[in-house]
Amino acid sequence: FWTEDDFAQHFAATPGLVSEVINVRPR
C-alpha cells in the first residue's frame, strides 16, 4: 500500500500549545 502524494494532516495540540500540520506518507 502506498499514498500517491503527501497528505498533510492537522495535528491537534494539547491545550495551551500550538498545533501544526504534518505530512504523513505511509508505505
mmCIF file of all heavy atoms, coordinates in Angstrom:
data_MODEL
# 
_entry.id   MODEL 
# 
loop_
_atom_site.group_PDB 
_atom_site.id 
_atom_site.type_symbol 
_atom_site.label_atom_id 
_atom_site.label_alt_id 
_atom_site.label_comp_id 
_atom_site.label_asym_id 
_atom_site.label_entity_id 
_atom_site.label_seq_id 
_atom_site.pdbx_PDB_ins_code 
_atom_site.Cartn_x 
_atom_site.Cartn_y 
_atom_site.Cartn_z 
_atom_site.occupancy 
_atom_site.B_iso_or_equiv 
_atom_site.pdbx_formal_charge 
_atom_site.auth_seq_id 
_atom_site.auth_comp_id 
_atom_site.auth_asym_id 
_atom_site.auth_atom_id 
_atom_site.pdbx_PDB_model_num 
ATOM 1   N N   . PHE A 1 1  ? 0.851  -1.184 0.000  1.00 0.00 ? 1  PHE A N   1 
ATOM 2   C CA  . PHE A 1 1  ? 0.000  0.000  0.000  1.00 0.00 ? 1  PHE A CA  1 
ATOM 3   C C   . PHE A 1 1  ? 0.891  1.239  0.000  1.00 0.00 ? 1  PHE A C   1 
ATOM 4   O O   . PHE A 1 1  ? 1.875  1.289  0.729  1.00 0.00 ? 1  PHE A O   1 
ATOM 5   C CB  . PHE A 1 1  ? -0.878 0.051  1.258  1.00 0.00 ? 1  PHE A CB  1 
ATOM 6   C CG  . PHE A 1 1  ? -1.759 -1.146 1.427  1.00 0.00 ? 1  PHE A CG  1 
ATOM 7   C CD1 . PHE A 1 1  ? -1.305 -2.265 2.109  1.00 0.00 ? 1  PHE A CD1 1 
ATOM 8   C CD2 . PHE A 1 1  ? -3.035 -1.154 0.917  1.00 0.00 ? 1  PHE A CD2 1 
ATOM 9   C CE1 . PHE A 1 1  ? -2.111 -3.372 2.270  1.00 0.00 ? 1  PHE A CE1 1 
ATOM 10  C CE2 . PHE A 1 1  ? -3.854 -2.250 1.073  1.00 0.00 ? 1  PHE A CE2 1 
ATOM 11  C CZ  . PHE A 1 1  ? -3.391 -3.363 1.752  1.00 0.00 ? 1  PHE A CZ  1 
ATOM 12  N N   . TRP A 1 2  ? 0.515  2.238  -0.789 1.00 0.00 ? 2  TRP A N   1 
ATOM 13  C CA  . TRP A 1 2  ? 1.267  3.490  -0.789 1.00 0.00 ? 2  TRP A CA  1 
ATOM 14  C C   . TRP A 1 2  ? 0.331  4.655  -1.092 1.00 0.00 ? 2  TRP A C   1 
ATOM 15  O O   . TRP A 1 2  ? -0.674 4.502  -1.763 1.00 0.00 ? 2  TRP A O   1 
ATOM 16  C CB  . TRP A 1 2  ? 2.420  3.444  -1.794 1.00 0.00 ? 2  TRP A CB  1 
ATOM 17  C CG  . TRP A 1 2  ? 2.007  3.463  -3.237 1.00 0.00 ? 2  TRP A CG  1 
ATOM 18  C CD1 . TRP A 1 2  ? 1.960  4.544  -4.060 1.00 0.00 ? 2  TRP A CD1 1 
ATOM 19  C CD2 . TRP A 1 2  ? 1.575  2.353  -4.036 1.00 0.00 ? 2  TRP A CD2 1 
ATOM 20  N NE1 . TRP A 1 2  ? 1.528  4.182  -5.319 1.00 0.00 ? 2  TRP A NE1 1 
ATOM 21  C CE2 . TRP A 1 2  ? 1.291  2.839  -5.332 1.00 0.00 ? 2  TRP A CE2 1 
ATOM 22  C CE3 . TRP A 1 2  ? 1.401  0.992  -3.792 1.00 0.00 ? 2  TRP A CE3 1 
ATOM 23  C CZ2 . TRP A 1 2  ? 0.850  2.025  -6.362 1.00 0.00 ? 2  TRP A CZ2 1 
ATOM 24  C CZ3 . TRP A 1 2  ? 0.952  0.177  -4.818 1.00 0.00 ? 2  TRP A CZ3 1 
ATOM 25  C CH2 . TRP A 1 2  ? 0.690  0.692  -6.077 1.00 0.00 ? 2  TRP A CH2 1 
ATOM 26  N N   . THR A 1 3  ? 0.687  5.804  -0.536 1.00 0.00 ? 3  THR A N   1 
ATOM 27  C CA  . THR A 1 3  ? -0.044 7.029  -0.858 1.00 0.00 ? 3  THR A CA  1 
ATOM 28  C C   . THR A 1 3  ? 0.635  7.648  -2.062 1.00 0.00 ? 3  THR A C   1 
ATOM 29  O O   . THR A 1 3  ? 1.868  7.630  -2.178 1.00 0.00 ? 3  THR A O   1 
ATOM 30  C CB  . THR A 1 3  ? -0.058 7.998  0.333  1.00 0.00 ? 3  THR A CB  1 
ATOM 31  O OG1 . THR A 1 3  ? 1.282  8.252  0.736  1.00 0.00 ? 3  THR A OG1 1 
ATOM 32  C CG2 . THR A 1 3  ? -0.837 7.416  1.491  1.00 0.00 ? 3  THR A CG2 1 
ATOM 33  N N   . GLU A 1 4  ? -0.140 8.177  -2.958 1.00 0.00 ? 4  GLU A N   1 
ATOM 34  C CA  . GLU A 1 4  ? 0.395  8.728  -4.199 1.00 0.00 ? 4  GLU A CA  1 
ATOM 35  C C   . GLU A 1 4  ? 1.030  10.096 -3.986 1.00 0.00 ? 4  GLU A C   1 
ATOM 36  O O   . GLU A 1 4  ? 1.828  10.549 -4.764 1.00 0.00 ? 4  GLU A O   1 
ATOM 37  C CB  . GLU A 1 4  ? -0.735 8.801  -5.235 1.00 0.00 ? 4  GLU A CB  1 
ATOM 38  C CG  . GLU A 1 4  ? -0.298 9.150  -6.620 1.00 0.00 ? 4  GLU A CG  1 
ATOM 39  C CD  . GLU A 1 4  ? 0.696  8.169  -7.221 1.00 0.00 ? 4  GLU A CD  1 
ATOM 40  O OE1 . GLU A 1 4  ? 0.669  6.981  -6.869 1.00 0.00 ? 4  GLU A OE1 1 
ATOM 41  O OE2 . GLU A 1 4  ? 1.523  8.619  -8.028 1.00 0.00 ? 4  GLU A OE2 1 
ATOM 42  N N   . ASP A 1 5  ? 0.681  10.765 -2.915 1.00 0.00 ? 5  ASP A N   1 
ATOM 43  C CA  . ASP A 1 5  ? 1.149  12.120 -2.662 1.00 0.00 ? 5  ASP A CA  1 
ATOM 44  C C   . ASP A 1 5  ? 1.272  12.296 -1.152 1.00 0.00 ? 5  ASP A C   1 
ATOM 45  O O   . ASP A 1 5  ? 0.743  11.511 -0.382 1.00 0.00 ? 5  ASP A O   1 
ATOM 46  C CB  . ASP A 1 5  ? 0.123  13.106 -3.228 1.00 0.00 ? 5  ASP A CB  1 
ATOM 47  C CG  . ASP A 1 5  ? 0.660  14.516 -3.358 1.00 0.00 ? 5  ASP A CG  1 
ATOM 48  O OD1 . ASP A 1 5  ? 1.837  14.744 -3.031 1.00 0.00 ? 5  ASP A OD1 1 
ATOM 49  O OD2 . ASP A 1 5  ? -0.099 15.389 -3.789 1.00 0.00 ? 5  ASP A OD2 1 
ATOM 50  N N   . ASP A 1 6  ? 1.967  13.336 -0.734 1.00 0.00 ? 6  ASP A N   1 
ATOM 51  C CA  . ASP A 1 6  ? 1.998  13.653 0.695  1.00 0.00 ? 6  ASP A CA  1 
ATOM 52  C C   . ASP A 1 6  ? 0.630  14.187 1.109  1.00 0.00 ? 6  ASP A C   1 
ATOM 53  O O   . ASP A 1 6  ? 0.075  15.047 0.445  1.00 0.00 ? 6  ASP A O   1 
ATOM 54  C CB  . ASP A 1 6  ? 3.044  14.729 0.996  1.00 0.00 ? 6  ASP A CB  1 
ATOM 55  C CG  . ASP A 1 6  ? 4.450  14.198 0.894  1.00 0.00 ? 6  ASP A CG  1 
ATOM 56  O OD1 . ASP A 1 6  ? 4.616  12.977 1.011  1.00 0.00 ? 6  ASP A OD1 1 
ATOM 57  O OD2 . ASP A 1 6  ? 5.364  14.999 0.695  1.00 0.00 ? 6  ASP A OD2 1 
ATOM 58  N N   . PHE A 1 7  ? 0.102  13.681 2.198  1.00 0.00 ? 7  PHE A N   1 
ATOM 59  C CA  . PHE A 1 7  ? -1.182 14.148 2.702  1.00 0.00 ? 7  PHE A CA  1 
ATOM 60  C C   . PHE A 1 7  ? -0.933 14.864 4.017  1.00 0.00 ? 7  PHE A C   1 
ATOM 61  O O   . PHE A 1 7  ? -0.506 14.255 4.984  1.00 0.00 ? 7  PHE A O   1 
ATOM 62  C CB  . PHE A 1 7  ? -2.144 12.972 2.905  1.00 0.00 ? 7  PHE A CB  1 
ATOM 63  C CG  . PHE A 1 7  ? -2.602 12.377 1.621  1.00 0.00 ? 7  PHE A CG  1 
ATOM 64  C CD1 . PHE A 1 7  ? -1.946 11.294 1.082  1.00 0.00 ? 7  PHE A CD1 1 
ATOM 65  C CD2 . PHE A 1 7  ? -3.660 12.932 0.938  1.00 0.00 ? 7  PHE A CD2 1 
ATOM 66  C CE1 . PHE A 1 7  ? -2.360 10.755 -0.121 1.00 0.00 ? 7  PHE A CE1 1 
ATOM 67  C CE2 . PHE A 1 7  ? -4.088 12.400 -0.264 1.00 0.00 ? 7  PHE A CE2 1 
ATOM 68  C CZ  . PHE A 1 7  ? -3.436 11.304 -0.796 1.00 0.00 ? 7  PHE A CZ  1 
ATOM 69  N N   . ALA A 1 8  ? -1.174 16.144 4.013  1.00 0.00 ? 8  ALA A N   1 
ATOM 70  C CA  . ALA A 1 8  ? -0.964 16.947 5.217  1.00 0.00 ? 8  ALA A CA  1 
ATOM 71  C C   . ALA A 1 8  ? -2.107 16.691 6.190  1.00 0.00 ? 8  ALA A C   1 
ATOM 72  O O   . ALA A 1 8  ? -3.266 16.799 5.831  1.00 0.00 ? 8  ALA A O   1 
ATOM 73  C CB  . ALA A 1 8  ? -0.873 18.421 4.860  1.00 0.00 ? 8  ALA A CB  1 
ATOM 74  N N   . GLN A 1 9  ? -1.774 16.321 7.409  1.00 0.00 ? 9  GLN A N   1 
ATOM 75  C CA  . GLN A 1 9  ? -2.764 16.048 8.450  1.00 0.00 ? 9  GLN A CA  1 
ATOM 76  C C   . GLN A 1 9  ? -2.608 17.081 9.556  1.00 0.00 ? 9  GLN A C   1 
ATOM 77  O O   . GLN A 1 9  ? -1.497 17.402 9.970  1.00 0.00 ? 9  GLN A O   1 
ATOM 78  C CB  . GLN A 1 9  ? -2.566 14.636 9.019  1.00 0.00 ? 9  GLN A CB  1 
ATOM 79  C CG  . GLN A 1 9  ? -2.657 13.555 7.990  1.00 0.00 ? 9  GLN A CG  1 
ATOM 80  C CD  . GLN A 1 9  ? -4.008 13.500 7.290  1.00 0.00 ? 9  GLN A CD  1 
ATOM 81  O OE1 . GLN A 1 9  ? -5.035 13.779 7.902  1.00 0.00 ? 9  GLN A OE1 1 
ATOM 82  N NE2 . GLN A 1 9  ? -4.009 13.178 6.026  1.00 0.00 ? 9  GLN A NE2 1 
ATOM 83  N N   . HIS A 1 10 ? -3.718 17.584 10.042 1.00 0.00 ? 10 HIS A N   1 
ATOM 84  C CA  . HIS A 1 10 ? -3.697 18.574 11.109 1.00 0.00 ? 10 HIS A CA  1 
ATOM 85  C C   . HIS A 1 10 ? -3.599 17.852 12.452 1.00 0.00 ? 10 HIS A C   1 
ATOM 86  O O   . HIS A 1 10 ? -4.465 17.062 12.795 1.00 0.00 ? 10 HIS A O   1 
ATOM 87  C CB  . HIS A 1 10 ? -4.958 19.439 11.064 1.00 0.00 ? 10 HIS A CB  1 
ATOM 88  C CG  . HIS A 1 10 ? -4.987 20.469 12.135 1.00 0.00 ? 10 HIS A CG  1 
ATOM 89  N ND1 . HIS A 1 10 ? -4.238 21.625 12.060 1.00 0.00 ? 10 HIS A ND1 1 
ATOM 90  C CD2 . HIS A 1 10 ? -5.629 20.516 13.315 1.00 0.00 ? 10 HIS A CD2 1 
ATOM 91  C CE1 . HIS A 1 10 ? -4.442 22.342 13.145 1.00 0.00 ? 10 HIS A CE1 1 
ATOM 92  N NE2 . HIS A 1 10 ? -5.292 21.694 13.924 1.00 0.00 ? 10 HIS A NE2 1 
ATOM 93  N N   . PHE A 1 11 ? -2.539 18.101 13.168 1.00 0.00 ? 11 PHE A N   1 
ATOM 94  C CA  . PHE A 1 11 ? -2.348 17.538 14.498 1.00 0.00 ? 11 PHE A CA  1 
ATOM 95  C C   . PHE A 1 11 ? -2.865 18.546 15.518 1.00 0.00 ? 11 PHE A C   1 
ATOM 96  O O   . PHE A 1 11 ? -2.462 19.701 15.508 1.00 0.00 ? 11 PHE A O   1 
ATOM 97  C CB  . PHE A 1 11 ? -0.868 17.246 14.763 1.00 0.00 ? 11 PHE A CB  1 
ATOM 98  C CG  . PHE A 1 11 ? -0.398 15.955 14.179 1.00 0.00 ? 11 PHE A CG  1 
ATOM 99  C CD1 . PHE A 1 11 ? -0.484 15.703 12.828 1.00 0.00 ? 11 PHE A CD1 1 
ATOM 100 C CD2 . PHE A 1 11 ? 0.125  14.974 14.992 1.00 0.00 ? 11 PHE A CD2 1 
ATOM 101 C CE1 . PHE A 1 11 ? -0.054 14.510 12.289 1.00 0.00 ? 11 PHE A CE1 1 
ATOM 102 C CE2 . PHE A 1 11 ? 0.556  13.764 14.465 1.00 0.00 ? 11 PHE A CE2 1 
ATOM 103 C CZ  . PHE A 1 11 ? 0.472  13.533 13.117 1.00 0.00 ? 11 PHE A CZ  1 
ATOM 104 N N   . ALA A 1 12 ? -3.760 18.125 16.381 1.00 0.00 ? 12 ALA A N   1 
ATOM 105 C CA  . ALA A 1 12 ? -4.322 18.999 17.410 1.00 0.00 ? 12 ALA A CA  1 
ATOM 106 C C   . ALA A 1 12 ? -3.408 18.974 18.635 1.00 0.00 ? 12 ALA A C   1 
ATOM 107 O O   . ALA A 1 12 ? -3.067 17.915 19.149 1.00 0.00 ? 12 ALA A O   1 
ATOM 108 C CB  . ALA A 1 12 ? -5.726 18.540 17.789 1.00 0.00 ? 12 ALA A CB  1 
ATOM 109 N N   . ALA A 1 13 ? -3.014 20.142 19.079 1.00 0.00 ? 13 ALA A N   1 
ATOM 110 C CA  . ALA A 1 13 ? -2.108 20.240 20.229 1.00 0.00 ? 13 ALA A CA  1 
ATOM 111 C C   . ALA A 1 13 ? -2.887 20.146 21.537 1.00 0.00 ? 13 ALA A C   1 
ATOM 112 O O   . ALA A 1 13 ? -4.089 20.396 21.588 1.00 0.00 ? 13 ALA A O   1 
ATOM 113 C CB  . ALA A 1 13 ? -1.349 21.561 20.189 1.00 0.00 ? 13 ALA A CB  1 
ATOM 114 N N   . THR A 1 14 ? -2.185 19.793 22.590 1.00 0.00 ? 14 THR A N   1 
ATOM 115 C CA  . THR A 1 14 ? -2.788 19.833 23.926 1.00 0.00 ? 14 THR A CA  1 
ATOM 116 C C   . THR A 1 14 ? -3.068 21.292 24.269 1.00 0.00 ? 14 THR A C   1 
ATOM 117 O O   . THR A 1 14 ? -2.419 22.197 23.742 1.00 0.00 ? 14 THR A O   1 
ATOM 118 C CB  . THR A 1 14 ? -1.853 19.187 24.968 1.00 0.00 ? 14 THR A CB  1 
ATOM 119 O OG1 . THR A 1 14 ? -0.583 19.832 24.895 1.00 0.00 ? 14 THR A OG1 1 
ATOM 120 C CG2 . THR A 1 14 ? -1.673 17.710 24.709 1.00 0.00 ? 14 THR A CG2 1 
ATOM 121 N N   . PRO A 1 15 ? -4.027 21.574 25.128 1.00 0.00 ? 15 PRO A N   1 
ATOM 122 C CA  . PRO A 1 15 ? -4.391 22.965 25.442 1.00 0.00 ? 15 PRO A CA  1 
ATOM 123 C C   . PRO A 1 15 ? -3.176 23.802 25.863 1.00 0.00 ? 15 PRO A C   1 
ATOM 124 O O   . PRO A 1 15 ? -2.314 23.347 26.607 1.00 0.00 ? 15 PRO A O   1 
ATOM 125 C CB  . PRO A 1 15 ? -5.377 22.810 26.601 1.00 0.00 ? 15 PRO A CB  1 
ATOM 126 C CG  . PRO A 1 15 ? -5.971 21.450 26.409 1.00 0.00 ? 15 PRO A CG  1 
ATOM 127 C CD  . PRO A 1 15 ? -4.853 20.605 25.843 1.00 0.00 ? 15 PRO A CD  1 
ATOM 128 N N   . GLY A 1 16 ? -3.123 25.008 25.306 1.00 0.00 ? 16 GLY A N   1 
ATOM 129 C CA  . GLY A 1 16 ? -2.043 25.928 25.631 1.00 0.00 ? 16 GLY A CA  1 
ATOM 130 C C   . GLY A 1 16 ? -0.859 25.850 24.689 1.00 0.00 ? 16 GLY A C   1 
ATOM 131 O O   . GLY A 1 16 ? 0.047  26.668 24.755 1.00 0.00 ? 16 GLY A O   1 
ATOM 132 N N   . LEU A 1 17 ? -0.840 24.872 23.792 1.00 0.00 ? 17 LEU A N   1 
ATOM 133 C CA  . LEU A 1 17 ? 0.259  24.724 22.837 1.00 0.00 ? 17 LEU A CA  1 
ATOM 134 C C   . LEU A 1 17 ? -0.269 24.947 21.415 1.00 0.00 ? 17 LEU A C   1 
ATOM 135 O O   . LEU A 1 17 ? -1.460 24.875 21.162 1.00 0.00 ? 17 LEU A O   1 
ATOM 136 C CB  . LEU A 1 17 ? 0.890  23.332 22.957 1.00 0.00 ? 17 LEU A CB  1 
ATOM 137 C CG  . LEU A 1 17 ? 1.503  23.004 24.323 1.00 0.00 ? 17 LEU A CG  1 
ATOM 138 C CD1 . LEU A 1 17 ? 1.945  21.555 24.373 1.00 0.00 ? 17 LEU A CD1 1 
ATOM 139 C CD2 . LEU A 1 17 ? 2.679  23.927 24.620 1.00 0.00 ? 17 LEU A CD2 1 
ATOM 140 N N   . VAL A 1 18 ? 0.632  25.201 20.484 1.00 0.00 ? 18 VAL A N   1 
ATOM 141 C CA  . VAL A 1 18 ? 0.258  25.476 19.092 1.00 0.00 ? 18 VAL A CA  1 
ATOM 142 C C   . VAL A 1 18 ? 0.253  24.168 18.310 1.00 0.00 ? 18 VAL A C   1 
ATOM 143 O O   . VAL A 1 18 ? 1.206  23.396 18.376 1.00 0.00 ? 18 VAL A O   1 
ATOM 144 C CB  . VAL A 1 18 ? 1.257  26.468 18.461 1.00 0.00 ? 18 VAL A CB  1 
ATOM 145 C CG1 . VAL A 1 18 ? 0.938  26.704 17.011 1.00 0.00 ? 18 VAL A CG1 1 
ATOM 146 C CG2 . VAL A 1 18 ? 1.267  27.766 19.243 1.00 0.00 ? 18 VAL A CG2 1 
ATOM 147 N N   . SER A 1 19 ? -0.821 23.915 17.553 1.00 0.00 ? 19 SER A N   1 
ATOM 148 C CA  . SER A 1 19 ? -0.876 22.707 16.726 1.00 0.00 ? 19 SER A CA  1 
ATOM 149 C C   . SER A 1 19 ? -0.145 22.955 15.414 1.00 0.00 ? 19 SER A C   1 
ATOM 150 O O   . SER A 1 19 ? 0.253  24.076 15.113 1.00 0.00 ? 19 SER A O   1 
ATOM 151 C CB  . SER A 1 19 ? -2.326 22.314 16.476 1.00 0.00 ? 19 SER A CB  1 
ATOM 152 O OG  . SER A 1 19 ? -2.992 23.329 15.749 1.00 0.00 ? 19 SER A OG  1 
ATOM 153 N N   . GLU A 1 20 ? 0.013  21.903 14.630 1.00 0.00 ? 20 GLU A N   1 
ATOM 154 C CA  . GLU A 1 20 ? 0.727  22.027 13.369 1.00 0.00 ? 20 GLU A CA  1 
ATOM 155 C C   . GLU A 1 20 ? 0.178  21.057 12.338 1.00 0.00 ? 20 GLU A C   1 
ATOM 156 O O   . GLU A 1 20 ? -0.633 20.194 12.649 1.00 0.00 ? 20 GLU A O   1 
ATOM 157 C CB  . GLU A 1 20 ? 2.228  21.787 13.580 1.00 0.00 ? 20 GLU A CB  1 
ATOM 158 C CG  . GLU A 1 20 ? 2.562  20.382 14.034 1.00 0.00 ? 20 GLU A CG  1 
ATOM 159 C CD  . GLU A 1 20 ? 4.041  20.212 14.316 1.00 0.00 ? 20 GLU A CD  1 
ATOM 160 O OE1 . GLU A 1 20 ? 4.857  20.788 13.599 1.00 0.00 ? 20 GLU A OE1 1 
ATOM 161 O OE2 . GLU A 1 20 ? 4.359  19.483 15.251 1.00 0.00 ? 20 GLU A OE2 1 
ATOM 162 N N   . VAL A 1 21 ? 0.654  21.215 11.114 1.00 0.00 ? 21 VAL A N   1 
ATOM 163 C CA  . VAL A 1 21 ? 0.284  20.326 10.020 1.00 0.00 ? 21 VAL A CA  1 
ATOM 164 C C   . VAL A 1 21 ? 1.516  19.487 9.685  1.00 0.00 ? 21 VAL A C   1 
ATOM 165 O O   . VAL A 1 21 ? 2.608  20.021 9.511  1.00 0.00 ? 21 VAL A O   1 
ATOM 166 C CB  . VAL A 1 21 ? -0.185 21.139 8.792  1.00 0.00 ? 21 VAL A CB  1 
ATOM 167 C CG1 . VAL A 1 21 ? -0.418 20.224 7.613  1.00 0.00 ? 21 VAL A CG1 1 
ATOM 168 C CG2 . VAL A 1 21 ? -1.442 21.916 9.134  1.00 0.00 ? 21 VAL A CG2 1 
ATOM 169 N N   . ILE A 1 22 ? 1.312  18.174 9.619  1.00 0.00 ? 22 ILE A N   1 
ATOM 170 C CA  . ILE A 1 22 ? 2.421  17.254 9.366  1.00 0.00 ? 22 ILE A CA  1 
ATOM 171 C C   . ILE A 1 22 ? 2.089  16.418 8.136  1.00 0.00 ? 22 ILE A C   1 
ATOM 172 O O   . ILE A 1 22 ? 0.975  15.905 8.011  1.00 0.00 ? 22 ILE A O   1 
ATOM 173 C CB  . ILE A 1 22 ? 2.662  16.323 10.577 1.00 0.00 ? 22 ILE A CB  1 
ATOM 174 C CG1 . ILE A 1 22 ? 3.023  17.152 11.807 1.00 0.00 ? 22 ILE A CG1 1 
ATOM 175 C CG2 . ILE A 1 22 ? 3.749  15.307 10.273 1.00 0.00 ? 22 ILE A CG2 1 
ATOM 176 C CD1 . ILE A 1 22 ? 3.183  16.341 13.076 1.00 0.00 ? 22 ILE A CD1 1 
ATOM 177 N N   . ASN A 1 23 ? 3.052  16.279 7.216  1.00 0.00 ? 23 ASN A N   1 
ATOM 178 C CA  . ASN A 1 23 ? 2.882  15.399 6.062  1.00 0.00 ? 23 ASN A CA  1 
ATOM 179 C C   . ASN A 1 23 ? 3.140  13.965 6.502  1.00 0.00 ? 23 ASN A C   1 
ATOM 180 O O   . ASN A 1 23 ? 4.194  13.655 7.055  1.00 0.00 ? 23 ASN A O   1 
ATOM 181 C CB  . ASN A 1 23 ? 3.845  15.772 4.937  1.00 0.00 ? 23 ASN A CB  1 
ATOM 182 C CG  . ASN A 1 23 ? 3.437  17.052 4.246  1.00 0.00 ? 23 ASN A CG  1 
ATOM 183 O OD1 . ASN A 1 23 ? 2.268  17.420 4.264  1.00 0.00 ? 23 ASN A OD1 1 
ATOM 184 N ND2 . ASN A 1 23 ? 4.382  17.730 3.641  1.00 0.00 ? 23 ASN A ND2 1 
ATOM 185 N N   . VAL A 1 24 ? 2.169  13.108 6.255  1.00 0.00 ? 24 VAL A N   1 
ATOM 186 C CA  . VAL A 1 24 ? 2.265  11.696 6.636  1.00 0.00 ? 24 VAL A CA  1 
ATOM 187 C C   . VAL A 1 24 ? 2.166  10.879 5.356  1.00 0.00 ? 24 VAL A C   1 
ATOM 188 O O   . VAL A 1 24 ? 1.219  11.019 4.590  1.00 0.00 ? 24 VAL A O   1 
ATOM 189 C CB  . VAL A 1 24 ? 1.119  11.320 7.602  1.00 0.00 ? 24 VAL A CB  1 
ATOM 190 C CG1 . VAL A 1 24 ? 1.202  9.861  7.978  1.00 0.00 ? 24 VAL A CG1 1 
ATOM 191 C CG2 . VAL A 1 24 ? 1.173  12.199 8.844  1.00 0.00 ? 24 VAL A CG2 1 
ATOM 192 N N   . ARG A 1 25 ? 3.162  10.035 5.115  1.00 0.00 ? 25 ARG A N   1 
ATOM 193 C CA  . ARG A 1 25 ? 3.216  9.275  3.866  1.00 0.00 ? 25 ARG A CA  1 
ATOM 194 C C   . ARG A 1 25 ? 3.553  7.814  4.158  1.00 0.00 ? 25 ARG A C   1 
ATOM 195 O O   . ARG A 1 25 ? 4.689  7.386  4.007  1.00 0.00 ? 25 ARG A O   1 
ATOM 196 C CB  . ARG A 1 25 ? 4.262  9.900  2.971  1.00 0.00 ? 25 ARG A CB  1 
ATOM 197 C CG  . ARG A 1 25 ? 4.139  9.533  1.547  1.00 0.00 ? 25 ARG A CG  1 
ATOM 198 C CD  . ARG A 1 25 ? 5.054  10.372 0.732  1.00 0.00 ? 25 ARG A CD  1 
ATOM 199 N NE  . ARG A 1 25 ? 5.833  9.511  -0.118 1.00 0.00 ? 25 ARG A NE  1 
ATOM 200 C CZ  . ARG A 1 25 ? 6.734  9.926  -0.951 1.00 0.00 ? 25 ARG A CZ  1 
ATOM 201 N NH1 . ARG A 1 25 ? 7.023  11.188 -1.023 1.00 0.00 ? 25 ARG A NH1 1 
ATOM 202 N NH2 . ARG A 1 25 ? 7.378  9.084  -1.703 1.00 0.00 ? 25 ARG A NH2 1 
ATOM 203 N N   . PRO A 1 26 ? 2.562  7.014  4.561  1.00 0.00 ? 26 PRO A N   1 
ATOM 204 C CA  . PRO A 1 26 ? 2.859  5.619  4.902  1.00 0.00 ? 26 PRO A CA  1 
ATOM 205 C C   . PRO A 1 26 ? 3.105  4.741  3.680  1.00 0.00 ? 26 PRO A C   1 
ATOM 206 O O   . PRO A 1 26 ? 2.557  4.966  2.611  1.00 0.00 ? 26 PRO A O   1 
ATOM 207 C CB  . PRO A 1 26 ? 1.607  5.167  5.649  1.00 0.00 ? 26 PRO A CB  1 
ATOM 208 C CG  . PRO A 1 26 ? 0.525  6.027  5.122  1.00 0.00 ? 26 PRO A CG  1 
ATOM 209 C CD  . PRO A 1 26 ? 1.168  7.346  4.783  1.00 0.00 ? 26 PRO A CD  1 
ATOM 210 N N   . ARG A 1 27 ? 3.924  3.741  3.898  1.00 0.00 ? 27 ARG A N   1 
ATOM 211 C CA  . ARG A 1 27 ? 4.144  2.631  2.962  1.00 0.00 ? 27 ARG A CA  1 
ATOM 212 C C   . ARG A 1 27 ? 3.914  1.378  3.792  1.00 0.00 ? 27 ARG A C   1 
ATOM 213 O O   . ARG A 1 27 ? 4.550  1.195  4.828  1.00 0.00 ? 27 ARG A O   1 
ATOM 214 C CB  . ARG A 1 27 ? 5.561  2.632  2.409  1.00 0.00 ? 27 ARG A CB  1 
ATOM 215 C CG  . ARG A 1 27 ? 5.937  3.897  1.661  1.00 0.00 ? 27 ARG A CG  1 
ATOM 216 C CD  . ARG A 1 27 ? 5.160  3.966  0.348  1.00 0.00 ? 27 ARG A CD  1 
ATOM 217 N NE  . ARG A 1 27 ? 5.615  5.036  -0.504 1.00 0.00 ? 27 ARG A NE  1 
ATOM 218 C CZ  . ARG A 1 27 ? 5.002  6.194  -0.644 1.00 0.00 ? 27 ARG A CZ  1 
ATOM 219 N NH1 . ARG A 1 27 ? 3.940  6.452  0.080  1.00 0.00 ? 27 ARG A NH1 1 
ATOM 220 N NH2 . ARG A 1 27 ? 5.428  7.092  -1.468 1.00 0.00 ? 27 ARG A NH2 1 
# 
